[in-house]
Amino acid sequence: MLRQPIVVVLGHVDHGKTSLLDAIRKSTVAAREAGAITQHIGASEIPVSVIKEKCQSVQQLIKADLTIPGLLFIDTPGHEAFTNLRKRGGSIADLAILVIDVAQGFQPQTMEAIEILKEYKTPFVVALNKVDLISGWKTTPNECFLKTFPQQRPDVQQALDEKIYSVMGELSKFGFDSDFFVRVKDYTKTVAIIPVSAKSGEGLPELLIFLSGIAQKFLEKQLQAETGPGEGSILEVKFEKGLGTTIDVILHNGIIKKGDTIIFAARNEIVETKIRGLLKPKPLIEMRDVGDRFDFVDQIFAASGVKIFAPGLENALPGSEVFVVTQETEGGLKKQLESEIKEILFKSDRIGVILRADTLGSVEAISHILQSENIQVRRADTGPVTKTDVLEASSIRAQDRYQGAVLAFNVAVPSEIAQEAEARSVGLVQSNIIYSLLERLKEWRVEEKSHEEEEVLDQYVLPAKIRFLSGHVFRANNPAIIGVEVLIGRIKNDYGLIKEDGTPIGRIKSIQSEKESKSIAKAGEKVAISIDDPTVGRQIFEGETFYSAIPRSHALILQDKYRAHLTVPEYELIDYIMRISR
């Protein structure tokens, strides 16, 4: 017997993930009497009878004999739902819908979703959403796309076609072949792009029929239902009034019953507990509603969503697998979970970054992506960033400054910890988008390279040309304090200065701007400087031009090794200073 496929929805914020699921739920409710669609924890089950009724119009155009019992949509949007739907070696999701806004195209979370789908090798289709917003689009609510598309004007059809080709081009950058769904011949090799409108309902029949058809044609072996002890994934850990801490679980295999003993991973241990209750929401109840939302049930069959009530759930890790155990299987499954947790939440002696993420699934997904980018990870864990993380990263920085960073994905960073990181020059890279986390890490490393080069350049006297501003004598001598404008390059404290004829005039003792001390002044800035030796009116005069006194050895190194870090005027100025210095 086939079980229903587990389908997750991913995509960028505001591209219509939740709207698409709402549209599917509304359409199925409209297609049948109340109760035909059963919503479970974090999921919506769409029976095959509802799919067939909804897709009658498209089935006349696309022949499909559906044998699956329905589709189980995971309705927690974003990457968290997907990465927490995990089992050893992959994801329990059978299929995915990647939602892309037809107007906005690829965005950061779109690329994040593709990287995760690629990592977990999950088949997916693209729902190209909001086609009703294409200029000139003629809407026919809840109609199949294959009927409404030919009714559009030629220019509107062309506009959509251009959007489809744009998506195809972007997907090809990630190594995926894709095409407009009507042109796809082999769904095992080509990603289908299905235009839809969550607002009008257009294209939903095709989306449902293609998901169902692809699932039963290519995933038949994967969808064989088993009746043994249940296996699932913790989607979320929640506190429910009157019950205490509960776990929302997606059951992907077997049966789970009231009174069963289950094991799962917690922060520092494997927890074993006995189920006191299994709960599912009453049909058509929105999860956000308050009141008497749940029905207690005695057992649940895969694939389903279920809320589990039991003692000892407080420290359960979202993303952990959940197993129903017997005396015979308990030992082996505990060892399997322990081994798996050690692989994901690990400590090592390698020189690498420290990773903190919100859930087990996030840690696993990010670790894999970092590995694919050849980024070493020293330690990976869940929970907020701690002072220990910063101190360890500081120690790593002393060995390799480019590895001295803490990556914080979707977790809290207390202000005192952020201050500690800044004080120790530890990179604190934060984001709630995996793609952005990697980009920010790379940007931080580029900044570190720039800082490192600046530190190296600090060892040398750099070229500078300054003008003594008329009417800006603040003190004539001991020391002379004058106003200058930096024309080329930069000046720093302790730089020696020379005149146009090469005569030394003393060293810069300090630099000030707006009564604030500065360590450096760059081209375009006007500042006050104090010079130890000269007297205004004797050795130096208003309107004169001065230059930094560059030692010959410094000049040769700057021209040879650091030419790329000098502007053309700065580079040419070195030659000029060398000539007048002779």
Protein backbone atom coordinates (compact mmCIF):
# COMPACT_ATOMS: atom_id res chain seq x y z
CA MET A 1 0.00 0.00 0.00
CA LEU A 2 1.27 3.48 -0.86
CA ARG A 3 1.43 6.15 1.83
CA GLN A 4 0.87 9.79 1.00
CA PRO A 5 4.00 11.72 -0.08
CA ILE A 6 5.37 14.38 2.27
CA VAL A 7 5.59 17.70 0.40
CA VAL A 8 7.41 20.77 1.77
CA VAL A 9 7.09 24.31 0.48
CA LEU A 10 10.17 26.55 0.30
CA GLY A 11 10.99 29.98 -1.10
CA HIS A 12 11.85 33.58 -0.34
CA VAL A 13 9.85 35.64 2.13
CA ASP A 14 6.68 37.17 0.60
CA HIS A 15 6.87 35.04 -2.52
CA GLY A 16 3.65 33.32 -1.48
CA LYS A 17 4.54 30.08 0.35
CA THR A 18 1.80 30.43 2.96
CA SER A 19 -0.65 31.92 0.44
CA LEU A 20 -0.14 28.95 -1.85
CA LEU A 21 -0.89 26.49 0.96
CA ASP A 22 -3.91 28.56 1.98
CA ALA A 23 -5.13 28.50 -1.63
CA ILE A 24 -4.76 24.70 -1.77
CA ARG A 25 -6.55 24.26 1.55
CA LYS A 26 -9.39 26.60 0.58
CA SER A 27 -9.88 24.95 -2.79
CA THR A 28 -9.99 21.48 -1.28
CA VAL A 29 -12.47 22.58 1.37
CA ALA A 30 -14.63 24.09 -1.35
CA ALA A 31 -14.41 20.86 -3.36
CA ARG A 32 -15.78 18.69 -0.55
CA GLU A 33 -17.96 18.94 2.52
CA ALA A 34 -16.38 20.12 5.78
CA GLY A 35 -13.94 17.58 7.18
CA ALA A 36 -12.73 16.15 3.89
CA ILE A 37 -9.35 17.76 4.50
CA THR A 38 -7.73 16.88 7.82
CA GLN A 39 -5.19 19.34 9.19
CA HIS A 40 -2.58 17.86 11.48
CA ILE A 41 0.22 19.44 13.46
CA GLY A 42 2.31 21.52 11.08
CA ALA A 43 0.70 19.75 8.15
CA SER A 44 -2.33 19.56 5.90
CA GLU A 45 -3.50 16.25 4.50
CA ILE A 46 -5.22 16.46 1.14
CA PRO A 47 -7.09 13.21 0.31
CA VAL A 48 -6.76 11.88 -3.23
CA SER A 49 -10.56 12.14 -3.70
CA VAL A 50 -10.28 15.91 -3.18
CA ILE A 51 -7.32 16.13 -5.58
CA LYS A 52 -9.25 14.23 -8.26
CA GLU A 53 -12.30 16.46 -7.89
CA LYS A 54 -10.22 19.62 -7.95
CA CYS A 55 -8.25 18.41 -10.96
CA GLN A 56 -11.13 17.14 -13.10
CA SER A 57 -10.61 19.83 -15.71
CA VAL A 58 -6.90 19.19 -16.06
CA GLN A 59 -7.25 15.40 -16.02
CA GLN A 60 -9.06 15.67 -19.33
CA LEU A 61 -5.87 17.24 -20.72
CA ILE A 62 -3.31 15.25 -18.71
CA LYS A 63 -4.11 11.56 -18.29
CA ALA A 64 -3.26 10.49 -14.72
CA ASP A 65 -4.58 7.49 -12.81
CA LEU A 66 -3.87 8.47 -9.21
CA THR A 67 -3.29 5.65 -6.73
CA ILE A 68 -1.66 7.51 -3.83
CA PRO A 69 -3.96 8.18 -0.85
CA GLY A 70 -3.29 11.92 -0.98
CA LEU A 71 -0.61 14.55 -0.29
CA LEU A 72 0.75 15.67 3.08
CA PHE A 73 1.76 19.34 2.87
CA ILE A 74 4.06 20.69 5.56
CA ASP A 75 2.68 24.13 6.30
CA THR A 76 5.49 25.60 8.39
CA PRO A 77 7.10 27.92 5.84
CA GLY A 78 10.82 28.41 5.39
CA HIS A 79 13.96 26.37 5.65
CA GLU A 80 13.26 25.34 9.29
CA ALA A 81 10.45 23.00 8.25
CA PHE A 82 12.63 21.36 5.66
CA THR A 83 15.87 20.98 7.61
CA ASN A 84 13.98 19.64 10.64
CA LEU A 85 12.25 16.99 8.52
CA ARG A 86 15.34 14.88 8.80
CA LYS A 87 16.36 11.27 9.16
CA ARG A 88 19.77 9.64 9.11
CA GLY A 89 21.35 10.46 5.76
CA GLY A 90 18.74 12.82 4.36
CA SER A 91 15.30 14.36 4.60
CA ILE A 92 11.95 12.68 5.13
CA ALA A 93 10.43 15.08 2.59
CA ASP A 94 9.59 13.17 -0.58
CA LEU A 95 8.97 16.24 -2.73
CA ALA A 96 9.26 19.99 -2.52
CA ILE A 97 7.60 23.02 -4.10
CA LEU A 98 9.95 25.93 -4.68
CA VAL A 99 7.80 29.08 -4.80
CA ILE A 100 9.19 31.94 -6.91
CA ASP A 101 7.53 35.32 -7.36
CA VAL A 102 7.15 35.88 -11.11
CA ALA A 103 8.05 39.58 -10.70
CA GLN A 104 10.90 39.35 -8.19
CA GLY A 105 12.55 36.16 -9.46
CA PHE A 106 15.49 34.71 -7.53
CA GLN A 107 16.14 36.19 -4.08
CA PRO A 108 18.49 35.17 -1.22
CA GLN A 109 16.12 32.63 0.36
CA THR A 110 15.34 31.19 -3.09
CA MET A 111 19.02 30.38 -3.50
CA GLU A 112 19.19 29.08 0.07
CA ALA A 113 16.27 26.75 -0.64
CA ILE A 114 17.91 25.43 -3.82
CA GLU A 115 21.19 24.75 -2.00
CA ILE A 116 19.30 22.79 0.68
CA LEU A 117 17.24 20.84 -1.89
CA LYS A 118 20.44 20.03 -3.73
CA GLU A 119 22.17 18.96 -0.51
CA TYR A 120 19.33 16.60 0.46
CA LYS A 121 18.74 15.43 -3.15
CA THR A 122 15.01 16.18 -2.86
CA PRO A 123 12.99 16.24 -6.12
CA PHE A 124 11.10 19.51 -6.59
CA VAL A 125 8.88 21.50 -8.91
CA VAL A 126 8.83 25.29 -9.27
CA ALA A 127 5.55 27.10 -8.60
CA LEU A 128 5.99 30.38 -10.50
CA ASN A 129 3.55 32.39 -8.41
CA LYS A 130 1.56 35.63 -8.94
CA VAL A 131 1.04 35.21 -12.71
CA ASP A 132 -2.14 37.27 -12.26
CA LEU A 133 0.11 40.31 -11.69
CA ILE A 134 1.58 40.12 -15.20
CA SER A 135 0.41 43.23 -17.02
CA GLY A 136 -2.68 42.45 -19.09
CA TRP A 137 -3.31 39.01 -17.52
CA LYS A 138 -6.96 37.95 -17.81
CA THR A 139 -7.92 36.07 -14.64
CA THR A 140 -10.25 33.06 -14.50
CA PRO A 141 -10.51 32.04 -10.82
CA ASN A 142 -9.64 28.43 -9.89
CA GLU A 143 -9.28 27.39 -13.53
CA CYS A 144 -6.50 25.16 -14.78
CA PHE A 145 -3.59 27.00 -16.37
CA LEU A 146 -3.75 24.99 -19.58
CA LYS A 147 -7.16 26.53 -20.28
CA THR A 148 -6.48 30.13 -19.18
CA PHE A 149 -3.08 30.54 -20.85
CA PRO A 150 -4.35 30.24 -24.47
CA GLN A 151 -6.93 32.95 -23.66
CA GLN A 152 -4.20 35.52 -22.90
CA ARG A 153 -3.03 38.08 -25.45
CA PRO A 154 0.15 37.18 -27.38
CA ASP A 155 2.19 39.87 -25.61
CA VAL A 156 1.07 38.54 -22.20
CA GLN A 157 2.01 34.99 -23.21
CA GLN A 158 5.40 36.25 -24.35
CA ALA A 159 5.94 38.14 -21.06
CA LEU A 160 5.31 34.95 -19.08
CA ASP A 161 7.54 32.94 -21.40
CA GLU A 162 10.37 35.41 -20.78
CA LYS A 163 9.92 35.00 -17.02
CA ILE A 164 10.07 31.21 -17.41
CA TYR A 165 13.29 31.42 -19.44
CA SER A 166 14.77 33.70 -16.76
CA VAL A 167 14.04 31.10 -14.07
CA MET A 168 15.49 28.38 -16.30
CA GLY A 169 18.70 30.39 -16.62
CA GLU A 170 19.00 30.88 -12.86
CA LEU A 171 18.35 27.20 -12.12
CA SER A 172 21.03 26.20 -14.62
CA LYS A 173 23.60 28.07 -12.48
CA PHE A 174 22.87 25.54 -9.73
CA GLY A 175 23.21 22.61 -12.11
CA PHE A 176 19.50 21.97 -12.73
CA ASP A 177 17.86 21.49 -16.13
CA SER A 178 14.35 22.94 -16.09
CA ASP A 179 11.54 23.89 -18.46
CA PHE A 180 7.92 25.01 -18.76
CA PHE A 181 5.98 21.98 -17.49
CA VAL A 182 4.15 21.41 -20.80
CA ARG A 183 7.54 20.92 -22.51
CA VAL A 184 9.05 18.53 -19.95
CA LYS A 185 9.53 14.99 -21.27
CA ASP A 186 11.52 13.38 -18.43
CA TYR A 187 10.63 14.49 -14.90
CA THR A 188 13.57 12.59 -13.43
CA LYS A 189 15.99 14.88 -15.28
CA THR A 190 14.12 18.16 -15.75
CA VAL A 191 12.56 20.43 -13.10
CA ALA A 192 9.01 21.41 -14.08
CA ILE A 193 8.09 25.12 -13.87
CA ILE A 194 4.35 25.48 -13.23
CA PRO A 195 2.82 29.00 -13.41
CA VAL A 196 0.24 29.54 -10.65
CA SER A 197 -1.64 32.24 -8.80
CA ALA A 198 -2.26 31.69 -5.11
CA LYS A 199 -4.68 34.63 -5.25
CA SER A 200 -6.88 33.46 -8.11
CA GLY A 201 -6.26 29.72 -7.81
CA GLU A 202 -5.14 29.42 -11.44
CA GLY A 203 -2.62 26.65 -12.04
CA LEU A 204 -3.38 24.84 -8.76
CA PRO A 205 -4.96 21.86 -10.56
CA GLU A 206 -1.74 21.36 -12.56
CA LEU A 207 0.41 21.75 -9.47
CA LEU A 208 -1.57 19.12 -7.53
CA ILE A 209 -1.83 16.67 -10.41
CA PHE A 210 1.85 16.93 -11.31
CA LEU A 211 2.99 16.50 -7.70
CA SER A 212 0.76 13.44 -7.36
CA GLY A 213 1.80 11.98 -10.70
CA ILE A 214 5.52 12.51 -10.14
CA ALA A 215 5.28 11.01 -6.65
CA GLN A 216 3.56 7.79 -7.63
CA LYS A 217 5.52 7.30 -10.85
CA PHE A 218 9.04 7.91 -9.57
CA LEU A 219 8.79 7.44 -5.79
CA GLU A 220 6.64 4.29 -5.62
CA LYS A 221 9.28 2.25 -3.77
CA GLN A 222 9.94 5.12 -1.37
CA LEU A 223 6.22 5.48 -0.61
CA GLN A 224 5.57 1.87 0.42
CA ALA A 225 3.83 2.11 3.79
CA GLU A 226 5.04 -0.02 6.69
CA THR A 227 3.04 -1.04 9.75
CA GLY A 228 5.94 -1.45 12.18
CA PRO A 229 7.03 0.84 15.06
CA GLY A 230 6.77 4.51 14.18
CA GLU A 231 9.64 6.74 13.01
CA GLY A 232 9.40 10.49 12.67
CA SER A 233 11.07 13.89 13.02
CA ILE A 234 10.54 16.60 15.63
CA LEU A 235 9.35 19.69 13.78
CA GLU A 236 8.86 21.96 16.80
CA VAL A 237 8.88 21.89 20.61
CA LYS A 238 5.93 23.84 22.04
CA PHE A 239 4.37 24.65 25.40
CA GLU A 240 0.63 23.95 25.37
CA LYS A 241 -1.54 25.33 28.18
CA GLY A 242 -2.90 22.46 30.27
CA LEU A 243 -0.47 19.96 28.78
CA GLY A 244 2.97 21.42 29.32
CA THR A 245 5.75 20.86 26.79
CA THR A 246 4.74 18.94 23.67
CA ILE A 247 6.53 17.98 20.46
CA ASP A 248 5.11 18.35 16.97
CA VAL A 249 6.21 15.33 14.98
CA ILE A 250 5.95 14.38 11.33
CA LEU A 251 5.55 10.61 11.27
CA HIS A 252 7.12 9.26 8.08
CA ASN A 253 7.04 5.54 8.74
CA GLY A 254 5.04 2.98 10.72
CA ILE A 255 2.50 3.49 13.52
CA ILE A 256 2.71 5.43 16.77
CA LYS A 257 0.30 4.61 19.63
CA LYS A 258 -0.68 6.03 22.99
CA GLY A 259 1.43 4.28 25.64
CA ASP A 260 4.35 3.60 23.26
CA THR A 261 7.88 4.21 24.52
CA ILE A 262 9.80 6.68 22.35
CA ILE A 263 13.39 7.94 22.27
CA PHE A 264 14.79 11.18 20.84
CA ALA A 265 17.77 13.50 21.22
CA ALA A 266 17.89 16.26 23.84
CA ARG A 267 20.62 18.83 24.52
CA ASN A 268 23.08 16.49 26.26
CA GLU A 269 21.46 13.09 26.24
CA ILE A 270 19.13 10.62 24.58
CA VAL A 271 15.73 10.78 26.29
CA GLU A 272 13.38 7.84 26.71
CA THR A 273 9.76 8.48 27.69
CA LYS A 274 6.27 6.98 27.48
CA ILE A 275 3.56 8.69 25.42
CA ARG A 276 0.67 9.92 27.54
CA GLY A 277 -1.34 11.29 24.67
CA LEU A 278 -1.49 11.76 20.90
CA LEU A 279 -3.30 14.83 19.67
CA LYS A 280 -4.47 16.05 16.31
CA PRO A 281 -6.33 19.28 15.55
CA LYS A 282 -10.00 19.10 14.84
CA PRO A 283 -10.76 19.29 11.11
CA LEU A 284 -10.39 22.75 9.55
CA ILE A 285 -9.24 24.40 12.78
CA GLU A 286 -6.54 27.00 12.27
CA MET A 287 -3.56 26.26 14.48
CA ARG A 288 -3.37 29.89 15.63
CA ASP A 289 -6.91 29.75 17.04
CA VAL A 290 -7.34 29.38 20.77
CA GLY A 291 -9.75 27.11 22.56
CA ASP A 292 -10.55 23.42 22.33
CA ARG A 293 -8.48 22.70 19.22
CA PHE A 294 -7.40 19.08 19.63
CA ASP A 295 -8.83 15.59 19.65
CA PHE A 296 -7.04 12.84 21.57
CA VAL A 297 -6.48 9.75 19.42
CA ASP A 298 -5.12 6.28 20.24
CA GLN A 299 -2.88 5.85 17.21
CA ILE A 300 -1.54 7.57 14.11
CA PHE A 301 -0.38 6.02 10.81
CA ALA A 302 2.34 7.41 8.53
CA ALA A 303 2.58 9.76 6.83
CA SER A 304 1.00 12.18 9.26
CA GLY A 305 1.55 15.08 11.61
CA VAL A 306 0.95 14.52 15.32
CA LYS A 307 1.37 16.39 18.61
CA ILE A 308 2.86 14.18 21.32
CA PHE A 309 2.26 14.77 25.02
CA ALA A 310 4.72 13.01 27.39
CA PRO A 311 7.06 13.70 30.33
CA GLY A 312 10.66 14.85 29.69
CA LEU A 313 10.11 16.75 26.42
CA GLU A 314 11.52 20.09 27.67
CA ASN A 315 14.98 19.74 26.12
CA ALA A 316 13.98 17.90 22.94
CA LEU A 317 15.97 19.06 19.91
CA PRO A 318 13.95 20.15 16.88
CA GLY A 319 15.24 18.09 13.97
CA SER A 320 15.89 14.99 16.07
CA GLU A 321 14.53 11.68 14.92
CA VAL A 322 11.88 10.02 17.10
CA PHE A 323 11.67 6.23 17.35
CA VAL A 324 9.07 3.97 18.93
CA VAL A 325 11.20 1.39 20.78
CA THR A 326 10.74 -2.07 22.21
CA GLN A 327 13.03 -3.98 24.59
CA GLU A 328 14.68 -5.61 21.57
CA THR A 329 15.28 -2.41 19.55
CA GLU A 330 15.95 0.10 22.35
CA GLY A 331 19.72 -0.44 22.66
CA GLY A 332 20.45 -0.34 18.92
CA LEU A 333 18.33 2.73 18.26
CA LYS A 334 19.87 4.62 21.20
CA LYS A 335 23.35 3.94 19.83
CA GLN A 336 22.19 5.09 16.39
CA LEU A 337 20.86 8.37 17.80
CA GLU A 338 23.99 8.94 19.92
CA SER A 339 26.23 8.33 16.92
CA GLU A 340 24.16 10.67 14.78
CA ILE A 341 24.14 13.49 17.33
CA LYS A 342 27.93 13.21 17.75
CA GLU A 343 28.29 13.57 13.99
CA ILE A 344 26.14 16.71 13.88
CA LEU A 345 26.93 18.45 17.21
CA PHE A 346 30.67 17.91 17.25
CA LYS A 347 33.87 19.29 18.76
CA SER A 348 37.26 18.98 17.10
CA ASP A 349 40.83 20.25 17.31
CA ARG A 350 40.85 21.55 13.74
CA ILE A 351 41.40 25.22 12.97
CA GLY A 352 37.97 26.38 11.83
CA VAL A 353 34.92 28.53 12.54
CA ILE A 354 32.46 27.92 15.37
CA LEU A 355 28.84 27.31 14.32
CA ARG A 356 25.75 28.00 16.41
CA ALA A 357 22.27 27.36 14.96
CA ASP A 358 18.70 27.13 16.19
CA THR A 359 17.96 23.47 15.45
CA LEU A 360 19.63 20.15 14.77
CA GLY A 361 18.45 20.30 11.18
CA SER A 362 19.92 23.78 10.67
CA VAL A 363 23.29 22.71 12.14
CA GLU A 364 23.38 19.71 9.83
CA ALA A 365 22.37 21.63 6.70
CA ILE A 366 24.79 24.52 7.32
CA SER A 367 27.66 22.15 8.19
CA HIS A 368 27.18 20.33 4.89
CA ILE A 369 27.05 23.56 2.90
CA LEU A 370 30.15 24.93 4.68
CA GLN A 371 31.94 21.68 3.91
CA SER A 372 31.00 21.96 0.23
CA GLU A 373 32.54 25.46 0.27
CA ASN A 374 35.75 24.07 1.86
CA ILE A 375 35.10 26.04 5.05
CA GLN A 376 36.38 24.17 8.11
CA VAL A 377 34.17 23.94 11.22
CA ARG A 378 35.84 23.43 14.60
CA ARG A 379 32.66 23.05 16.63
CA ALA A 380 28.94 22.90 15.83
CA ASP A 381 26.14 23.22 18.37
CA THR A 382 22.60 24.48 18.94
CA GLY A 383 21.55 27.37 21.18
CA PRO A 384 22.63 30.99 21.75
CA VAL A 385 26.21 32.23 21.33
CA THR A 386 28.21 32.04 24.58
CA LYS A 387 31.33 33.69 25.97
CA THR A 388 33.12 30.34 25.59
CA ASP A 389 32.44 30.48 21.84
CA VAL A 390 34.04 33.92 21.61
CA LEU A 391 37.07 32.97 23.72
CA GLU A 392 37.62 29.85 21.63
CA ALA A 393 37.29 31.83 18.39
CA SER A 394 39.79 34.36 19.76
CA SER A 395 42.25 31.51 20.38
CA ILE A 396 41.69 30.25 16.84
CA ARG A 397 42.23 33.77 15.47
CA ALA A 398 45.67 33.83 17.04
CA GLN A 399 46.55 30.86 14.82
CA ASP A 400 44.61 31.89 11.71
CA ARG A 401 42.78 35.22 11.68
CA TYR A 402 40.48 34.09 8.83
CA GLN A 403 39.06 31.25 10.95
CA GLY A 404 38.48 33.27 14.13
CA ALA A 405 34.72 33.67 13.68
CA VAL A 406 31.46 32.56 15.28
CA LEU A 407 28.57 31.89 12.89
CA ALA A 408 25.21 32.55 14.55
CA PHE A 409 22.25 31.24 12.57
CA ASN A 410 18.83 32.25 13.87
CA VAL A 411 20.03 32.29 17.50
CA ALA A 412 20.31 34.99 20.17
CA VAL A 413 23.56 36.90 20.65
CA PRO A 414 23.51 38.70 24.04
CA SER A 415 24.84 42.28 23.84
CA GLU A 416 27.69 41.58 26.29
CA ILE A 417 28.80 38.65 24.07
CA ALA A 418 28.75 40.88 20.98
CA GLN A 419 30.88 43.45 22.83
CA GLU A 420 33.33 40.75 23.88
CA ALA A 421 33.64 39.58 20.27
CA GLU A 422 34.30 43.13 19.08
CA ALA A 423 36.90 43.73 21.78
CA ARG A 424 38.76 40.58 20.76
CA SER A 425 38.39 41.24 16.98
CA VAL A 426 36.44 37.99 16.64
CA GLY A 427 34.14 37.83 13.62
CA LEU A 428 30.50 37.56 14.71
CA VAL A 429 28.59 36.56 11.57
CA GLN A 430 24.81 36.59 12.06
CA SER A 431 21.87 35.82 9.77
CA ASN A 432 18.59 33.92 9.65
CA ILE A 433 19.19 33.03 6.00
CA ILE A 434 21.76 30.31 5.32
CA TYR A 435 22.75 31.84 1.98
CA SER A 436 23.34 35.23 3.64
CA LEU A 437 25.31 33.61 6.47
CA LEU A 438 27.82 32.26 3.95
CA GLU A 439 27.94 35.53 2.04
CA ARG A 440 28.56 37.49 5.25
CA LEU A 441 31.31 35.10 6.29
CA LYS A 442 33.01 35.67 2.93
CA GLU A 443 32.55 39.44 3.25
CA TRP A 444 34.06 39.34 6.76
CA ARG A 445 37.07 37.47 5.40
CA VAL A 446 37.53 40.08 2.67
CA GLU A 447 37.41 42.80 5.36
CA GLU A 448 39.95 40.83 7.43
CA LYS A 449 42.28 40.67 4.43
CA SER A 450 41.96 44.43 4.04
CA HIS A 451 42.69 44.93 7.77
CA GLU A 452 45.68 42.62 7.55
CA GLU A 453 47.07 44.56 4.59
CA GLU A 454 46.50 47.83 6.43
CA GLU A 455 48.41 46.42 9.41
CA VAL A 456 51.29 45.40 7.14
CA LEU A 457 51.28 48.81 5.41
CA ASP A 458 51.42 50.45 8.87
CA GLN A 459 55.02 49.25 9.08
CA TYR A 460 56.02 51.57 6.22
CA VAL A 461 56.01 55.32 5.65
CA LEU A 462 53.46 55.93 2.90
CA PRO A 463 53.59 58.68 0.27
CA ALA A 464 51.87 61.95 1.19
CA LYS A 465 51.65 65.47 -0.20
CA ILE A 466 50.20 68.23 2.00
CA ARG A 467 49.72 72.01 1.73
CA PHE A 468 50.26 74.48 4.59
CA LEU A 469 46.96 76.42 4.60
CA SER A 470 47.23 80.22 4.64
CA GLY A 471 45.81 81.86 7.76
CA HIS A 472 46.02 78.61 9.77
CA VAL A 473 48.92 79.12 12.16
CA PHE A 474 47.82 78.07 15.66
CA ARG A 475 51.28 78.08 17.21
CA ALA A 476 54.60 79.22 15.71
CA ASN A 477 56.98 76.74 17.39
CA ASN A 478 57.74 74.30 20.25
CA PRO A 479 55.85 72.65 18.56
CA ALA A 480 54.59 74.43 15.47
CA ILE A 481 50.83 73.83 15.11
CA ILE A 482 49.46 74.54 11.64
CA GLY A 483 46.45 73.75 9.46
CA VAL A 484 47.11 71.57 6.39
CA GLU A 485 45.18 69.94 3.58
CA VAL A 486 46.16 66.42 2.51
CA LEU A 487 46.41 66.55 -1.29
CA ILE A 488 47.66 63.00 -2.04
CA GLY A 489 48.03 59.90 0.11
CA ARG A 490 47.86 59.95 3.90
CA ILE A 491 49.81 61.24 6.87
CA LYS A 492 50.27 59.59 10.26
CA ASN A 493 51.81 60.44 13.60
CA ASP A 494 55.63 60.28 13.63
CA TYR A 495 55.91 60.75 9.85
CA GLY A 496 58.94 62.87 8.92
CA LEU A 497 58.22 65.79 6.55
CA ILE A 498 60.41 67.35 3.83
CA LYS A 499 60.08 70.48 1.68
CA GLU A 500 60.05 70.76 -2.14
CA ASP A 501 63.88 70.90 -2.14
CA GLY A 502 64.21 67.83 0.08
CA THR A 503 65.04 69.76 3.28
CA PRO A 504 63.80 67.93 6.42
CA ILE A 505 61.52 70.06 8.61
CA GLY A 506 60.70 67.69 11.50
CA ARG A 507 58.20 64.98 12.51
CA ILE A 508 54.43 65.02 12.96
CA LYS A 509 53.73 64.75 16.70
CA SER A 510 49.91 64.76 16.53
CA ILE A 511 46.93 65.20 14.21
CA GLN A 512 43.65 66.85 15.17
CA SER A 513 40.29 67.45 13.52
CA GLU A 514 37.41 69.28 15.20
CA LYS A 515 39.45 69.16 18.47
CA GLU A 516 39.54 65.34 18.24
CA SER A 517 42.85 63.49 17.98
CA LYS A 518 43.36 61.31 14.90
CA SER A 519 45.99 58.74 14.04
CA ILE A 520 45.67 59.26 10.30
CA ALA A 521 44.48 61.89 7.80
CA LYS A 522 43.73 60.98 4.17
CA ALA A 523 43.53 62.83 0.86
CA GLY A 524 40.82 65.52 0.89
CA GLU A 525 40.92 66.07 4.66
CA LYS A 526 41.89 69.34 6.33
CA VAL A 527 43.47 68.89 9.77
CA ALA A 528 45.74 70.57 12.28
CA ILE A 529 49.16 68.98 12.81
CA SER A 530 51.93 69.68 15.31
CA ILE A 531 55.54 69.45 14.08
CA ASP A 532 58.37 69.27 16.60
CA ASP A 533 61.34 71.22 15.05
CA PRO A 534 60.40 74.14 12.74
CA THR A 535 59.35 77.70 13.43
CA VAL A 536 56.68 79.26 11.24
CA GLY A 537 58.19 82.18 9.30
CA ARG A 538 61.73 80.80 9.48
CA GLN A 539 61.85 77.16 8.31
CA ILE A 540 58.26 76.84 7.05
CA PHE A 541 55.84 79.31 5.45
CA GLU A 542 52.11 79.46 4.72
CA GLY A 543 51.16 78.11 1.29
CA GLU A 544 54.17 75.77 1.07
CA THR A 545 53.89 72.11 0.04
CA PHE A 546 55.42 69.34 2.19
CA TYR A 547 55.97 65.62 1.56
CA SER A 548 56.34 62.51 3.73
CA ALA A 549 60.00 61.52 4.16
CA ILE A 550 60.00 57.94 2.82
CA PRO A 551 63.12 55.84 3.58
CA ARG A 552 64.51 54.35 0.37
CA SER A 553 64.03 50.76 1.63
CA HIS A 554 60.32 51.50 2.30
CA ALA A 555 59.89 53.01 -1.17
CA LEU A 556 61.31 49.91 -2.90
CA ILE A 557 59.07 47.52 -0.93
CA LEU A 558 55.95 49.64 -1.51
CA GLN A 559 56.61 49.79 -5.26
CA ASP A 560 57.43 46.08 -5.48
CA LYS A 561 54.95 44.33 -3.15
CA TYR A 562 52.14 46.78 -2.47
CA ARG A 563 51.60 48.56 -5.75
CA ALA A 564 48.00 47.25 -5.87
CA HIS A 565 47.25 49.05 -2.59
CA LEU A 566 48.38 52.44 -3.82
CA THR A 567 46.47 54.83 -6.07
CA VAL A 568 48.18 55.98 -9.27
CA PRO A 569 48.95 59.45 -7.77
CA GLU A 570 50.38 57.77 -4.63
CA TYR A 571 52.56 55.42 -6.68
CA GLU A 572 53.87 58.27 -8.85
CA LEU A 573 54.44 60.39 -5.75
CA ILE A 574 56.95 57.82 -4.40
CA ASP A 575 59.20 58.43 -7.43
CA TYR A 576 58.92 62.20 -6.97
CA ILE A 577 59.77 62.02 -3.25
CA MET A 578 62.77 59.79 -4.00
CA ARG A 579 64.05 62.35 -6.53
CA ILE A 580 63.77 65.38 -4.22
CA SER A 581 65.19 63.39 -1.30
CA ARG A 582 68.48 62.90 -3.19
